[in-house]
Amino acid sequence: EESPVTPEYKDTIAVGEFPIDSFPV
């Protein structure tokens, strides 16, 4: 709610899009 958009970078080279997903440790 405080940061409703992801940051933009002037040196962007790719876009990531998959949900955070970590297997158990």
PDBML (XML) file of the C-alpha atoms, coordinates in Angstrom:
<?xml version="1.0" encoding="UTF-8" ?>
<PDBx:datablock datablockName="MODEL"
   xmlns:PDBx="http://pdbml.pdb.org/schema/pdbx-v50.xsd"
   xmlns:xsi="http://www.w3.org/2001/XMLSchema-instance"
   xsi:schemaLocation="http://pdbml.pdb.org/schema/pdbx-v50.xsd pdbx-v50.xsd">
   <PDBx:atom_siteCategory>
      <PDBx:atom_site id="1">
         <PDBx:B_iso_or_equiv>0.00</PDBx:B_iso_or_equiv>
         <PDBx:Cartn_x>0.000</PDBx:Cartn_x>
         <PDBx:Cartn_y>0.000</PDBx:Cartn_y>
         <PDBx:Cartn_z>0.000</PDBx:Cartn_z>
         <PDBx:auth_asym_id>A</PDBx:auth_asym_id>
         <PDBx:auth_atom_id>CA</PDBx:auth_atom_id>
         <PDBx:auth_comp_id>GLU</PDBx:auth_comp_id>
         <PDBx:auth_seq_id>1</PDBx:auth_seq_id>
         <PDBx:group_PDB>ATOM</PDBx:group_PDB>
         <PDBx:label_alt_id xsi:nil="true" />
         <PDBx:label_asym_id>A</PDBx:label_asym_id>
         <PDBx:label_atom_id>CA</PDBx:label_atom_id>
         <PDBx:label_comp_id>GLU</PDBx:label_comp_id>
         <PDBx:label_entity_id>1</PDBx:label_entity_id>
         <PDBx:label_seq_id>1</PDBx:label_seq_id>
         <PDBx:occupancy>1.00</PDBx:occupancy>
         <PDBx:pdbx_PDB_model_num>1</PDBx:pdbx_PDB_model_num>
         <PDBx:type_symbol>C</PDBx:type_symbol>
      </PDBx:atom_site>
      <PDBx:atom_site id="2">
         <PDBx:B_iso_or_equiv>0.00</PDBx:B_iso_or_equiv>
         <PDBx:Cartn_x>2.888</PDBx:Cartn_x>
         <PDBx:Cartn_y>2.342</PDBx:Cartn_y>
         <PDBx:Cartn_z>0.744</PDBx:Cartn_z>
         <PDBx:auth_asym_id>A</PDBx:auth_asym_id>
         <PDBx:auth_atom_id>CA</PDBx:auth_atom_id>
         <PDBx:auth_comp_id>GLU</PDBx:auth_comp_id>
         <PDBx:auth_seq_id>2</PDBx:auth_seq_id>
         <PDBx:group_PDB>ATOM</PDBx:group_PDB>
         <PDBx:label_alt_id xsi:nil="true" />
         <PDBx:label_asym_id>A</PDBx:label_asym_id>
         <PDBx:label_atom_id>CA</PDBx:label_atom_id>
         <PDBx:label_comp_id>GLU</PDBx:label_comp_id>
         <PDBx:label_entity_id>1</PDBx:label_entity_id>
         <PDBx:label_seq_id>2</PDBx:label_seq_id>
         <PDBx:occupancy>1.00</PDBx:occupancy>
         <PDBx:pdbx_PDB_model_num>1</PDBx:pdbx_PDB_model_num>
         <PDBx:type_symbol>C</PDBx:type_symbol>
      </PDBx:atom_site>
      <PDBx:atom_site id="3">
         <PDBx:B_iso_or_equiv>0.00</PDBx:B_iso_or_equiv>
         <PDBx:Cartn_x>4.731</PDBx:Cartn_x>
         <PDBx:Cartn_y>1.428</PDBx:Cartn_y>
         <PDBx:Cartn_z>-2.492</PDBx:Cartn_z>
         <PDBx:auth_asym_id>A</PDBx:auth_asym_id>
         <PDBx:auth_atom_id>CA</PDBx:auth_atom_id>
         <PDBx:auth_comp_id>SER</PDBx:auth_comp_id>
         <PDBx:auth_seq_id>3</PDBx:auth_seq_id>
         <PDBx:group_PDB>ATOM</PDBx:group_PDB>
         <PDBx:label_alt_id xsi:nil="true" />
         <PDBx:label_asym_id>A</PDBx:label_asym_id>
         <PDBx:label_atom_id>CA</PDBx:label_atom_id>
         <PDBx:label_comp_id>SER</PDBx:label_comp_id>
         <PDBx:label_entity_id>1</PDBx:label_entity_id>
         <PDBx:label_seq_id>3</PDBx:label_seq_id>
         <PDBx:occupancy>1.00</PDBx:occupancy>
         <PDBx:pdbx_PDB_model_num>1</PDBx:pdbx_PDB_model_num>
         <PDBx:type_symbol>C</PDBx:type_symbol>
      </PDBx:atom_site>
      <PDBx:atom_site id="4">
         <PDBx:B_iso_or_equiv>0.00</PDBx:B_iso_or_equiv>
         <PDBx:Cartn_x>2.091</PDBx:Cartn_x>
         <PDBx:Cartn_y>0.495</PDBx:Cartn_y>
         <PDBx:Cartn_z>-5.100</PDBx:Cartn_z>
         <PDBx:auth_asym_id>A</PDBx:auth_asym_id>
         <PDBx:auth_atom_id>CA</PDBx:auth_atom_id>
         <PDBx:auth_comp_id>PRO</PDBx:auth_comp_id>
         <PDBx:auth_seq_id>4</PDBx:auth_seq_id>
         <PDBx:group_PDB>ATOM</PDBx:group_PDB>
         <PDBx:label_alt_id xsi:nil="true" />
         <PDBx:label_asym_id>A</PDBx:label_asym_id>
         <PDBx:label_atom_id>CA</PDBx:label_atom_id>
         <PDBx:label_comp_id>PRO</PDBx:label_comp_id>
         <PDBx:label_entity_id>1</PDBx:label_entity_id>
         <PDBx:label_seq_id>4</PDBx:label_seq_id>
         <PDBx:occupancy>1.00</PDBx:occupancy>
         <PDBx:pdbx_PDB_model_num>1</PDBx:pdbx_PDB_model_num>
         <PDBx:type_symbol>C</PDBx:type_symbol>
      </PDBx:atom_site>
      <PDBx:atom_site id="5">
         <PDBx:B_iso_or_equiv>0.00</PDBx:B_iso_or_equiv>
         <PDBx:Cartn_x>4.547</PDBx:Cartn_x>
         <PDBx:Cartn_y>0.199</PDBx:Cartn_y>
         <PDBx:Cartn_z>-8.018</PDBx:Cartn_z>
         <PDBx:auth_asym_id>A</PDBx:auth_asym_id>
         <PDBx:auth_atom_id>CA</PDBx:auth_atom_id>
         <PDBx:auth_comp_id>VAL</PDBx:auth_comp_id>
         <PDBx:auth_seq_id>5</PDBx:auth_seq_id>
         <PDBx:group_PDB>ATOM</PDBx:group_PDB>
         <PDBx:label_alt_id xsi:nil="true" />
         <PDBx:label_asym_id>A</PDBx:label_asym_id>
         <PDBx:label_atom_id>CA</PDBx:label_atom_id>
         <PDBx:label_comp_id>VAL</PDBx:label_comp_id>
         <PDBx:label_entity_id>1</PDBx:label_entity_id>
         <PDBx:label_seq_id>5</PDBx:label_seq_id>
         <PDBx:occupancy>1.00</PDBx:occupancy>
         <PDBx:pdbx_PDB_model_num>1</PDBx:pdbx_PDB_model_num>
         <PDBx:type_symbol>C</PDBx:type_symbol>
      </PDBx:atom_site>
      <PDBx:atom_site id="6">
         <PDBx:B_iso_or_equiv>0.00</PDBx:B_iso_or_equiv>
         <PDBx:Cartn_x>7.918</PDBx:Cartn_x>
         <PDBx:Cartn_y>-1.466</PDBx:Cartn_y>
         <PDBx:Cartn_z>-8.421</PDBx:Cartn_z>
         <PDBx:auth_asym_id>A</PDBx:auth_asym_id>
         <PDBx:auth_atom_id>CA</PDBx:auth_atom_id>
         <PDBx:auth_comp_id>THR</PDBx:auth_comp_id>
         <PDBx:auth_seq_id>6</PDBx:auth_seq_id>
         <PDBx:group_PDB>ATOM</PDBx:group_PDB>
         <PDBx:label_alt_id xsi:nil="true" />
         <PDBx:label_asym_id>A</PDBx:label_asym_id>
         <PDBx:label_atom_id>CA</PDBx:label_atom_id>
         <PDBx:label_comp_id>THR</PDBx:label_comp_id>
         <PDBx:label_entity_id>1</PDBx:label_entity_id>
         <PDBx:label_seq_id>6</PDBx:label_seq_id>
         <PDBx:occupancy>1.00</PDBx:occupancy>
         <PDBx:pdbx_PDB_model_num>1</PDBx:pdbx_PDB_model_num>
         <PDBx:type_symbol>C</PDBx:type_symbol>
      </PDBx:atom_site>
      <PDBx:atom_site id="7">
         <PDBx:B_iso_or_equiv>0.00</PDBx:B_iso_or_equiv>
         <PDBx:Cartn_x>10.965</PDBx:Cartn_x>
         <PDBx:Cartn_y>0.793</PDBx:Cartn_y>
         <PDBx:Cartn_z>-8.972</PDBx:Cartn_z>
         <PDBx:auth_asym_id>A</PDBx:auth_asym_id>
         <PDBx:auth_atom_id>CA</PDBx:auth_atom_id>
         <PDBx:auth_comp_id>PRO</PDBx:auth_comp_id>
         <PDBx:auth_seq_id>7</PDBx:auth_seq_id>
         <PDBx:group_PDB>ATOM</PDBx:group_PDB>
         <PDBx:label_alt_id xsi:nil="true" />
         <PDBx:label_asym_id>A</PDBx:label_asym_id>
         <PDBx:label_atom_id>CA</PDBx:label_atom_id>
         <PDBx:label_comp_id>PRO</PDBx:label_comp_id>
         <PDBx:label_entity_id>1</PDBx:label_entity_id>
         <PDBx:label_seq_id>7</PDBx:label_seq_id>
         <PDBx:occupancy>1.00</PDBx:occupancy>
         <PDBx:pdbx_PDB_model_num>1</PDBx:pdbx_PDB_model_num>
         <PDBx:type_symbol>C</PDBx:type_symbol>
      </PDBx:atom_site>
      <PDBx:atom_site id="8">
         <PDBx:B_iso_or_equiv>0.00</PDBx:B_iso_or_equiv>
         <PDBx:Cartn_x>12.215</PDBx:Cartn_x>
         <PDBx:Cartn_y>1.823</PDBx:Cartn_y>
         <PDBx:Cartn_z>-12.402</PDBx:Cartn_z>
         <PDBx:auth_asym_id>A</PDBx:auth_asym_id>
         <PDBx:auth_atom_id>CA</PDBx:auth_atom_id>
         <PDBx:auth_comp_id>GLU</PDBx:auth_comp_id>
         <PDBx:auth_seq_id>8</PDBx:auth_seq_id>
         <PDBx:group_PDB>ATOM</PDBx:group_PDB>
         <PDBx:label_alt_id xsi:nil="true" />
         <PDBx:label_asym_id>A</PDBx:label_asym_id>
         <PDBx:label_atom_id>CA</PDBx:label_atom_id>
         <PDBx:label_comp_id>GLU</PDBx:label_comp_id>
         <PDBx:label_entity_id>1</PDBx:label_entity_id>
         <PDBx:label_seq_id>8</PDBx:label_seq_id>
         <PDBx:occupancy>1.00</PDBx:occupancy>
         <PDBx:pdbx_PDB_model_num>1</PDBx:pdbx_PDB_model_num>
         <PDBx:type_symbol>C</PDBx:type_symbol>
      </PDBx:atom_site>
      <PDBx:atom_site id="9">
         <PDBx:B_iso_or_equiv>0.00</PDBx:B_iso_or_equiv>
         <PDBx:Cartn_x>15.903</PDBx:Cartn_x>
         <PDBx:Cartn_y>1.784</PDBx:Cartn_y>
         <PDBx:Cartn_z>-13.323</PDBx:Cartn_z>
         <PDBx:auth_asym_id>A</PDBx:auth_asym_id>
         <PDBx:auth_atom_id>CA</PDBx:auth_atom_id>
         <PDBx:auth_comp_id>TYR</PDBx:auth_comp_id>
         <PDBx:auth_seq_id>9</PDBx:auth_seq_id>
         <PDBx:group_PDB>ATOM</PDBx:group_PDB>
         <PDBx:label_alt_id xsi:nil="true" />
         <PDBx:label_asym_id>A</PDBx:label_asym_id>
         <PDBx:label_atom_id>CA</PDBx:label_atom_id>
         <PDBx:label_comp_id>TYR</PDBx:label_comp_id>
         <PDBx:label_entity_id>1</PDBx:label_entity_id>
         <PDBx:label_seq_id>9</PDBx:label_seq_id>
         <PDBx:occupancy>1.00</PDBx:occupancy>
         <PDBx:pdbx_PDB_model_num>1</PDBx:pdbx_PDB_model_num>
         <PDBx:type_symbol>C</PDBx:type_symbol>
      </PDBx:atom_site>
      <PDBx:atom_site id="10">
         <PDBx:B_iso_or_equiv>0.00</PDBx:B_iso_or_equiv>
         <PDBx:Cartn_x>17.705</PDBx:Cartn_x>
         <PDBx:Cartn_y>3.663</PDBx:Cartn_y>
         <PDBx:Cartn_z>-16.067</PDBx:Cartn_z>
         <PDBx:auth_asym_id>A</PDBx:auth_asym_id>
         <PDBx:auth_atom_id>CA</PDBx:auth_atom_id>
         <PDBx:auth_comp_id>LYS</PDBx:auth_comp_id>
         <PDBx:auth_seq_id>10</PDBx:auth_seq_id>
         <PDBx:group_PDB>ATOM</PDBx:group_PDB>
         <PDBx:label_alt_id xsi:nil="true" />
         <PDBx:label_asym_id>A</PDBx:label_asym_id>
         <PDBx:label_atom_id>CA</PDBx:label_atom_id>
         <PDBx:label_comp_id>LYS</PDBx:label_comp_id>
         <PDBx:label_entity_id>1</PDBx:label_entity_id>
         <PDBx:label_seq_id>10</PDBx:label_seq_id>
         <PDBx:occupancy>1.00</PDBx:occupancy>
         <PDBx:pdbx_PDB_model_num>1</PDBx:pdbx_PDB_model_num>
         <PDBx:type_symbol>C</PDBx:type_symbol>
      </PDBx:atom_site>
      <PDBx:atom_site id="11">
         <PDBx:B_iso_or_equiv>0.00</PDBx:B_iso_or_equiv>
         <PDBx:Cartn_x>19.947</PDBx:Cartn_x>
         <PDBx:Cartn_y>0.642</PDBx:Cartn_y>
         <PDBx:Cartn_z>-16.644</PDBx:Cartn_z>
         <PDBx:auth_asym_id>A</PDBx:auth_asym_id>
         <PDBx:auth_atom_id>CA</PDBx:auth_atom_id>
         <PDBx:auth_comp_id>ASP</PDBx:auth_comp_id>
         <PDBx:auth_seq_id>11</PDBx:auth_seq_id>
         <PDBx:group_PDB>ATOM</PDBx:group_PDB>
         <PDBx:label_alt_id xsi:nil="true" />
         <PDBx:label_asym_id>A</PDBx:label_asym_id>
         <PDBx:label_atom_id>CA</PDBx:label_atom_id>
         <PDBx:label_comp_id>ASP</PDBx:label_comp_id>
         <PDBx:label_entity_id>1</PDBx:label_entity_id>
         <PDBx:label_seq_id>11</PDBx:label_seq_id>
         <PDBx:occupancy>1.00</PDBx:occupancy>
         <PDBx:pdbx_PDB_model_num>1</PDBx:pdbx_PDB_model_num>
         <PDBx:type_symbol>C</PDBx:type_symbol>
      </PDBx:atom_site>
      <PDBx:atom_site id="12">
         <PDBx:B_iso_or_equiv>0.00</PDBx:B_iso_or_equiv>
         <PDBx:Cartn_x>17.154</PDBx:Cartn_x>
         <PDBx:Cartn_y>-1.950</PDBx:Cartn_y>
         <PDBx:Cartn_z>-16.876</PDBx:Cartn_z>
         <PDBx:auth_asym_id>A</PDBx:auth_asym_id>
         <PDBx:auth_atom_id>CA</PDBx:auth_atom_id>
         <PDBx:auth_comp_id>THR</PDBx:auth_comp_id>
         <PDBx:auth_seq_id>12</PDBx:auth_seq_id>
         <PDBx:group_PDB>ATOM</PDBx:group_PDB>
         <PDBx:label_alt_id xsi:nil="true" />
         <PDBx:label_asym_id>A</PDBx:label_asym_id>
         <PDBx:label_atom_id>CA</PDBx:label_atom_id>
         <PDBx:label_comp_id>THR</PDBx:label_comp_id>
         <PDBx:label_entity_id>1</PDBx:label_entity_id>
         <PDBx:label_seq_id>12</PDBx:label_seq_id>
         <PDBx:occupancy>1.00</PDBx:occupancy>
         <PDBx:pdbx_PDB_model_num>1</PDBx:pdbx_PDB_model_num>
         <PDBx:type_symbol>C</PDBx:type_symbol>
      </PDBx:atom_site>
      <PDBx:atom_site id="13">
         <PDBx:B_iso_or_equiv>0.00</PDBx:B_iso_or_equiv>
         <PDBx:Cartn_x>18.162</PDBx:Cartn_x>
         <PDBx:Cartn_y>-4.941</PDBx:Cartn_y>
         <PDBx:Cartn_z>-19.010</PDBx:Cartn_z>
         <PDBx:auth_asym_id>A</PDBx:auth_asym_id>
         <PDBx:auth_atom_id>CA</PDBx:auth_atom_id>
         <PDBx:auth_comp_id>ILE</PDBx:auth_comp_id>
         <PDBx:auth_seq_id>13</PDBx:auth_seq_id>
         <PDBx:group_PDB>ATOM</PDBx:group_PDB>
         <PDBx:label_alt_id xsi:nil="true" />
         <PDBx:label_asym_id>A</PDBx:label_asym_id>
         <PDBx:label_atom_id>CA</PDBx:label_atom_id>
         <PDBx:label_comp_id>ILE</PDBx:label_comp_id>
         <PDBx:label_entity_id>1</PDBx:label_entity_id>
         <PDBx:label_seq_id>13</PDBx:label_seq_id>
         <PDBx:occupancy>1.00</PDBx:occupancy>
         <PDBx:pdbx_PDB_model_num>1</PDBx:pdbx_PDB_model_num>
         <PDBx:type_symbol>C</PDBx:type_symbol>
      </PDBx:atom_site>
      <PDBx:atom_site id="14">
         <PDBx:B_iso_or_equiv>0.00</PDBx:B_iso_or_equiv>
         <PDBx:Cartn_x>15.352</PDBx:Cartn_x>
         <PDBx:Cartn_y>-7.413</PDBx:Cartn_y>
         <PDBx:Cartn_z>-18.244</PDBx:Cartn_z>
         <PDBx:auth_asym_id>A</PDBx:auth_asym_id>
         <PDBx:auth_atom_id>CA</PDBx:auth_atom_id>
         <PDBx:auth_comp_id>ALA</PDBx:auth_comp_id>
         <PDBx:auth_seq_id>14</PDBx:auth_seq_id>
         <PDBx:group_PDB>ATOM</PDBx:group_PDB>
         <PDBx:label_alt_id xsi:nil="true" />
         <PDBx:label_asym_id>A</PDBx:label_asym_id>
         <PDBx:label_atom_id>CA</PDBx:label_atom_id>
         <PDBx:label_comp_id>ALA</PDBx:label_comp_id>
         <PDBx:label_entity_id>1</PDBx:label_entity_id>
         <PDBx:label_seq_id>14</PDBx:label_seq_id>
         <PDBx:occupancy>1.00</PDBx:occupancy>
         <PDBx:pdbx_PDB_model_num>1</PDBx:pdbx_PDB_model_num>
         <PDBx:type_symbol>C</PDBx:type_symbol>
      </PDBx:atom_site>
      <PDBx:atom_site id="15">
         <PDBx:B_iso_or_equiv>0.00</PDBx:B_iso_or_equiv>
         <PDBx:Cartn_x>11.979</PDBx:Cartn_x>
         <PDBx:Cartn_y>-7.747</PDBx:Cartn_y>
         <PDBx:Cartn_z>-16.552</PDBx:Cartn_z>
         <PDBx:auth_asym_id>A</PDBx:auth_asym_id>
         <PDBx:auth_atom_id>CA</PDBx:auth_atom_id>
         <PDBx:auth_comp_id>VAL</PDBx:auth_comp_id>
         <PDBx:auth_seq_id>15</PDBx:auth_seq_id>
         <PDBx:group_PDB>ATOM</PDBx:group_PDB>
         <PDBx:label_alt_id xsi:nil="true" />
         <PDBx:label_asym_id>A</PDBx:label_asym_id>
         <PDBx:label_atom_id>CA</PDBx:label_atom_id>
         <PDBx:label_comp_id>VAL</PDBx:label_comp_id>
         <PDBx:label_entity_id>1</PDBx:label_entity_id>
         <PDBx:label_seq_id>15</PDBx:label_seq_id>
         <PDBx:occupancy>1.00</PDBx:occupancy>
         <PDBx:pdbx_PDB_model_num>1</PDBx:pdbx_PDB_model_num>
         <PDBx:type_symbol>C</PDBx:type_symbol>
      </PDBx:atom_site>
      <PDBx:atom_site id="16">
         <PDBx:B_iso_or_equiv>0.00</PDBx:B_iso_or_equiv>
         <PDBx:Cartn_x>11.322</PDBx:Cartn_x>
         <PDBx:Cartn_y>-10.336</PDBx:Cartn_y>
         <PDBx:Cartn_z>-13.839</PDBx:Cartn_z>
         <PDBx:auth_asym_id>A</PDBx:auth_asym_id>
         <PDBx:auth_atom_id>CA</PDBx:auth_atom_id>
         <PDBx:auth_comp_id>GLY</PDBx:auth_comp_id>
         <PDBx:auth_seq_id>16</PDBx:auth_seq_id>
         <PDBx:group_PDB>ATOM</PDBx:group_PDB>
         <PDBx:label_alt_id xsi:nil="true" />
         <PDBx:label_asym_id>A</PDBx:label_asym_id>
         <PDBx:label_atom_id>CA</PDBx:label_atom_id>
         <PDBx:label_comp_id>GLY</PDBx:label_comp_id>
         <PDBx:label_entity_id>1</PDBx:label_entity_id>
         <PDBx:label_seq_id>16</PDBx:label_seq_id>
         <PDBx:occupancy>1.00</PDBx:occupancy>
         <PDBx:pdbx_PDB_model_num>1</PDBx:pdbx_PDB_model_num>
         <PDBx:type_symbol>C</PDBx:type_symbol>
      </PDBx:atom_site>
      <PDBx:atom_site id="17">
         <PDBx:B_iso_or_equiv>0.00</PDBx:B_iso_or_equiv>
         <PDBx:Cartn_x>7.779</PDBx:Cartn_x>
         <PDBx:Cartn_y>-11.463</PDBx:Cartn_y>
         <PDBx:Cartn_z>-13.218</PDBx:Cartn_z>
         <PDBx:auth_asym_id>A</PDBx:auth_asym_id>
         <PDBx:auth_atom_id>CA</PDBx:auth_atom_id>
         <PDBx:auth_comp_id>GLU</PDBx:auth_comp_id>
         <PDBx:auth_seq_id>17</PDBx:auth_seq_id>
         <PDBx:group_PDB>ATOM</PDBx:group_PDB>
         <PDBx:label_alt_id xsi:nil="true" />
         <PDBx:label_asym_id>A</PDBx:label_asym_id>
         <PDBx:label_atom_id>CA</PDBx:label_atom_id>
         <PDBx:label_comp_id>GLU</PDBx:label_comp_id>
         <PDBx:label_entity_id>1</PDBx:label_entity_id>
         <PDBx:label_seq_id>17</PDBx:label_seq_id>
         <PDBx:occupancy>1.00</PDBx:occupancy>
         <PDBx:pdbx_PDB_model_num>1</PDBx:pdbx_PDB_model_num>
         <PDBx:type_symbol>C</PDBx:type_symbol>
      </PDBx:atom_site>
      <PDBx:atom_site id="18">
         <PDBx:B_iso_or_equiv>0.00</PDBx:B_iso_or_equiv>
         <PDBx:Cartn_x>7.436</PDBx:Cartn_x>
         <PDBx:Cartn_y>-14.734</PDBx:Cartn_y>
         <PDBx:Cartn_z>-11.291</PDBx:Cartn_z>
         <PDBx:auth_asym_id>A</PDBx:auth_asym_id>
         <PDBx:auth_atom_id>CA</PDBx:auth_atom_id>
         <PDBx:auth_comp_id>PHE</PDBx:auth_comp_id>
         <PDBx:auth_seq_id>18</PDBx:auth_seq_id>
         <PDBx:group_PDB>ATOM</PDBx:group_PDB>
         <PDBx:label_alt_id xsi:nil="true" />
         <PDBx:label_asym_id>A</PDBx:label_asym_id>
         <PDBx:label_atom_id>CA</PDBx:label_atom_id>
         <PDBx:label_comp_id>PHE</PDBx:label_comp_id>
         <PDBx:label_entity_id>1</PDBx:label_entity_id>
         <PDBx:label_seq_id>18</PDBx:label_seq_id>
         <PDBx:occupancy>1.00</PDBx:occupancy>
         <PDBx:pdbx_PDB_model_num>1</PDBx:pdbx_PDB_model_num>
         <PDBx:type_symbol>C</PDBx:type_symbol>
      </PDBx:atom_site>
      <PDBx:atom_site id="19">
         <PDBx:B_iso_or_equiv>0.00</PDBx:B_iso_or_equiv>
         <PDBx:Cartn_x>6.059</PDBx:Cartn_x>
         <PDBx:Cartn_y>-14.737</PDBx:Cartn_y>
         <PDBx:Cartn_z>-7.726</PDBx:Cartn_z>
         <PDBx:auth_asym_id>A</PDBx:auth_asym_id>
         <PDBx:auth_atom_id>CA</PDBx:auth_atom_id>
         <PDBx:auth_comp_id>PRO</PDBx:auth_comp_id>
         <PDBx:auth_seq_id>19</PDBx:auth_seq_id>
         <PDBx:group_PDB>ATOM</PDBx:group_PDB>
         <PDBx:label_alt_id xsi:nil="true" />
         <PDBx:label_asym_id>A</PDBx:label_asym_id>
         <PDBx:label_atom_id>CA</PDBx:label_atom_id>
         <PDBx:label_comp_id>PRO</PDBx:label_comp_id>
         <PDBx:label_entity_id>1</PDBx:label_entity_id>
         <PDBx:label_seq_id>19</PDBx:label_seq_id>
         <PDBx:occupancy>1.00</PDBx:occupancy>
         <PDBx:pdbx_PDB_model_num>1</PDBx:pdbx_PDB_model_num>
         <PDBx:type_symbol>C</PDBx:type_symbol>
      </PDBx:atom_site>
      <PDBx:atom_site id="20">
         <PDBx:B_iso_or_equiv>0.00</PDBx:B_iso_or_equiv>
         <PDBx:Cartn_x>8.526</PDBx:Cartn_x>
         <PDBx:Cartn_y>-15.088</PDBx:Cartn_y>
         <PDBx:Cartn_z>-4.865</PDBx:Cartn_z>
         <PDBx:auth_asym_id>A</PDBx:auth_asym_id>
         <PDBx:auth_atom_id>CA</PDBx:auth_atom_id>
         <PDBx:auth_comp_id>ILE</PDBx:auth_comp_id>
         <PDBx:auth_seq_id>20</PDBx:auth_seq_id>
         <PDBx:group_PDB>ATOM</PDBx:group_PDB>
         <PDBx:label_alt_id xsi:nil="true" />
         <PDBx:label_asym_id>A</PDBx:label_asym_id>
         <PDBx:label_atom_id>CA</PDBx:label_atom_id>
         <PDBx:label_comp_id>ILE</PDBx:label_comp_id>
         <PDBx:label_entity_id>1</PDBx:label_entity_id>
         <PDBx:label_seq_id>20</PDBx:label_seq_id>
         <PDBx:occupancy>1.00</PDBx:occupancy>
         <PDBx:pdbx_PDB_model_num>1</PDBx:pdbx_PDB_model_num>
         <PDBx:type_symbol>C</PDBx:type_symbol>
      </PDBx:atom_site>
      <PDBx:atom_site id="21">
         <PDBx:B_iso_or_equiv>0.00</PDBx:B_iso_or_equiv>
         <PDBx:Cartn_x>8.773</PDBx:Cartn_x>
         <PDBx:Cartn_y>-18.851</PDBx:Cartn_y>
         <PDBx:Cartn_z>-4.432</PDBx:Cartn_z>
         <PDBx:auth_asym_id>A</PDBx:auth_asym_id>
         <PDBx:auth_atom_id>CA</PDBx:auth_atom_id>
         <PDBx:auth_comp_id>ASP</PDBx:auth_comp_id>
         <PDBx:auth_seq_id>21</PDBx:auth_seq_id>
         <PDBx:group_PDB>ATOM</PDBx:group_PDB>
         <PDBx:label_alt_id xsi:nil="true" />
         <PDBx:label_asym_id>A</PDBx:label_asym_id>
         <PDBx:label_atom_id>CA</PDBx:label_atom_id>
         <PDBx:label_comp_id>ASP</PDBx:label_comp_id>
         <PDBx:label_entity_id>1</PDBx:label_entity_id>
         <PDBx:label_seq_id>21</PDBx:label_seq_id>
         <PDBx:occupancy>1.00</PDBx:occupancy>
         <PDBx:pdbx_PDB_model_num>1</PDBx:pdbx_PDB_model_num>
         <PDBx:type_symbol>C</PDBx:type_symbol>
      </PDBx:atom_site>
      <PDBx:atom_site id="22">
         <PDBx:B_iso_or_equiv>0.00</PDBx:B_iso_or_equiv>
         <PDBx:Cartn_x>11.313</PDBx:Cartn_x>
         <PDBx:Cartn_y>-20.543</PDBx:Cartn_y>
         <PDBx:Cartn_z>-2.157</PDBx:Cartn_z>
         <PDBx:auth_asym_id>A</PDBx:auth_asym_id>
         <PDBx:auth_atom_id>CA</PDBx:auth_atom_id>
         <PDBx:auth_comp_id>SER</PDBx:auth_comp_id>
         <PDBx:auth_seq_id>22</PDBx:auth_seq_id>
         <PDBx:group_PDB>ATOM</PDBx:group_PDB>
         <PDBx:label_alt_id xsi:nil="true" />
         <PDBx:label_asym_id>A</PDBx:label_asym_id>
         <PDBx:label_atom_id>CA</PDBx:label_atom_id>
         <PDBx:label_comp_id>SER</PDBx:label_comp_id>
         <PDBx:label_entity_id>1</PDBx:label_entity_id>
         <PDBx:label_seq_id>22</PDBx:label_seq_id>
         <PDBx:occupancy>1.00</PDBx:occupancy>
         <PDBx:pdbx_PDB_model_num>1</PDBx:pdbx_PDB_model_num>
         <PDBx:type_symbol>C</PDBx:type_symbol>
      </PDBx:atom_site>
      <PDBx:atom_site id="23">
         <PDBx:B_iso_or_equiv>0.00</PDBx:B_iso_or_equiv>
         <PDBx:Cartn_x>11.393</PDBx:Cartn_x>
         <PDBx:Cartn_y>-24.202</PDBx:Cartn_y>
         <PDBx:Cartn_z>-1.234</PDBx:Cartn_z>
         <PDBx:auth_asym_id>A</PDBx:auth_asym_id>
         <PDBx:auth_atom_id>CA</PDBx:auth_atom_id>
         <PDBx:auth_comp_id>PHE</PDBx:auth_comp_id>
         <PDBx:auth_seq_id>23</PDBx:auth_seq_id>
         <PDBx:group_PDB>ATOM</PDBx:group_PDB>
         <PDBx:label_alt_id xsi:nil="true" />
         <PDBx:label_asym_id>A</PDBx:label_asym_id>
         <PDBx:label_atom_id>CA</PDBx:label_atom_id>
         <PDBx:label_comp_id>PHE</PDBx:label_comp_id>
         <PDBx:label_entity_id>1</PDBx:label_entity_id>
         <PDBx:label_seq_id>23</PDBx:label_seq_id>
         <PDBx:occupancy>1.00</PDBx:occupancy>
         <PDBx:pdbx_PDB_model_num>1</PDBx:pdbx_PDB_model_num>
         <PDBx:type_symbol>C</PDBx:type_symbol>
      </PDBx:atom_site>
      <PDBx:atom_site id="24">
         <PDBx:B_iso_or_equiv>0.00</PDBx:B_iso_or_equiv>
         <PDBx:Cartn_x>11.730</PDBx:Cartn_x>
         <PDBx:Cartn_y>-25.124</PDBx:Cartn_y>
         <PDBx:Cartn_z>2.465</PDBx:Cartn_z>
         <PDBx:auth_asym_id>A</PDBx:auth_asym_id>
         <PDBx:auth_atom_id>CA</PDBx:auth_atom_id>
         <PDBx:auth_comp_id>PRO</PDBx:auth_comp_id>
         <PDBx:auth_seq_id>24</PDBx:auth_seq_id>
         <PDBx:group_PDB>ATOM</PDBx:group_PDB>
         <PDBx:label_alt_id xsi:nil="true" />
         <PDBx:label_asym_id>A</PDBx:label_asym_id>
         <PDBx:label_atom_id>CA</PDBx:label_atom_id>
         <PDBx:label_comp_id>PRO</PDBx:label_comp_id>
         <PDBx:label_entity_id>1</PDBx:label_entity_id>
         <PDBx:label_seq_id>24</PDBx:label_seq_id>
         <PDBx:occupancy>1.00</PDBx:occupancy>
         <PDBx:pdbx_PDB_model_num>1</PDBx:pdbx_PDB_model_num>
         <PDBx:type_symbol>C</PDBx:type_symbol>
      </PDBx:atom_site>
      <PDBx:atom_site id="25">
         <PDBx:B_iso_or_equiv>0.00</PDBx:B_iso_or_equiv>
         <PDBx:Cartn_x>15.163</PDBx:Cartn_x>
         <PDBx:Cartn_y>-24.950</PDBx:Cartn_y>
         <PDBx:Cartn_z>4.014</PDBx:Cartn_z>
         <PDBx:auth_asym_id>A</PDBx:auth_asym_id>
         <PDBx:auth_atom_id>CA</PDBx:auth_atom_id>
         <PDBx:auth_comp_id>VAL</PDBx:auth_comp_id>
         <PDBx:auth_seq_id>25</PDBx:auth_seq_id>
         <PDBx:group_PDB>ATOM</PDBx:group_PDB>
         <PDBx:label_alt_id xsi:nil="true" />
         <PDBx:label_asym_id>A</PDBx:label_asym_id>
         <PDBx:label_atom_id>CA</PDBx:label_atom_id>
         <PDBx:label_comp_id>VAL</PDBx:label_comp_id>
         <PDBx:label_entity_id>1</PDBx:label_entity_id>
         <PDBx:label_seq_id>25</PDBx:label_seq_id>
         <PDBx:occupancy>1.00</PDBx:occupancy>
         <PDBx:pdbx_PDB_model_num>1</PDBx:pdbx_PDB_model_num>
         <PDBx:type_symbol>C</PDBx:type_symbol>
      </PDBx:atom_site>
   </PDBx:atom_siteCategory>
</PDBx:datablock>
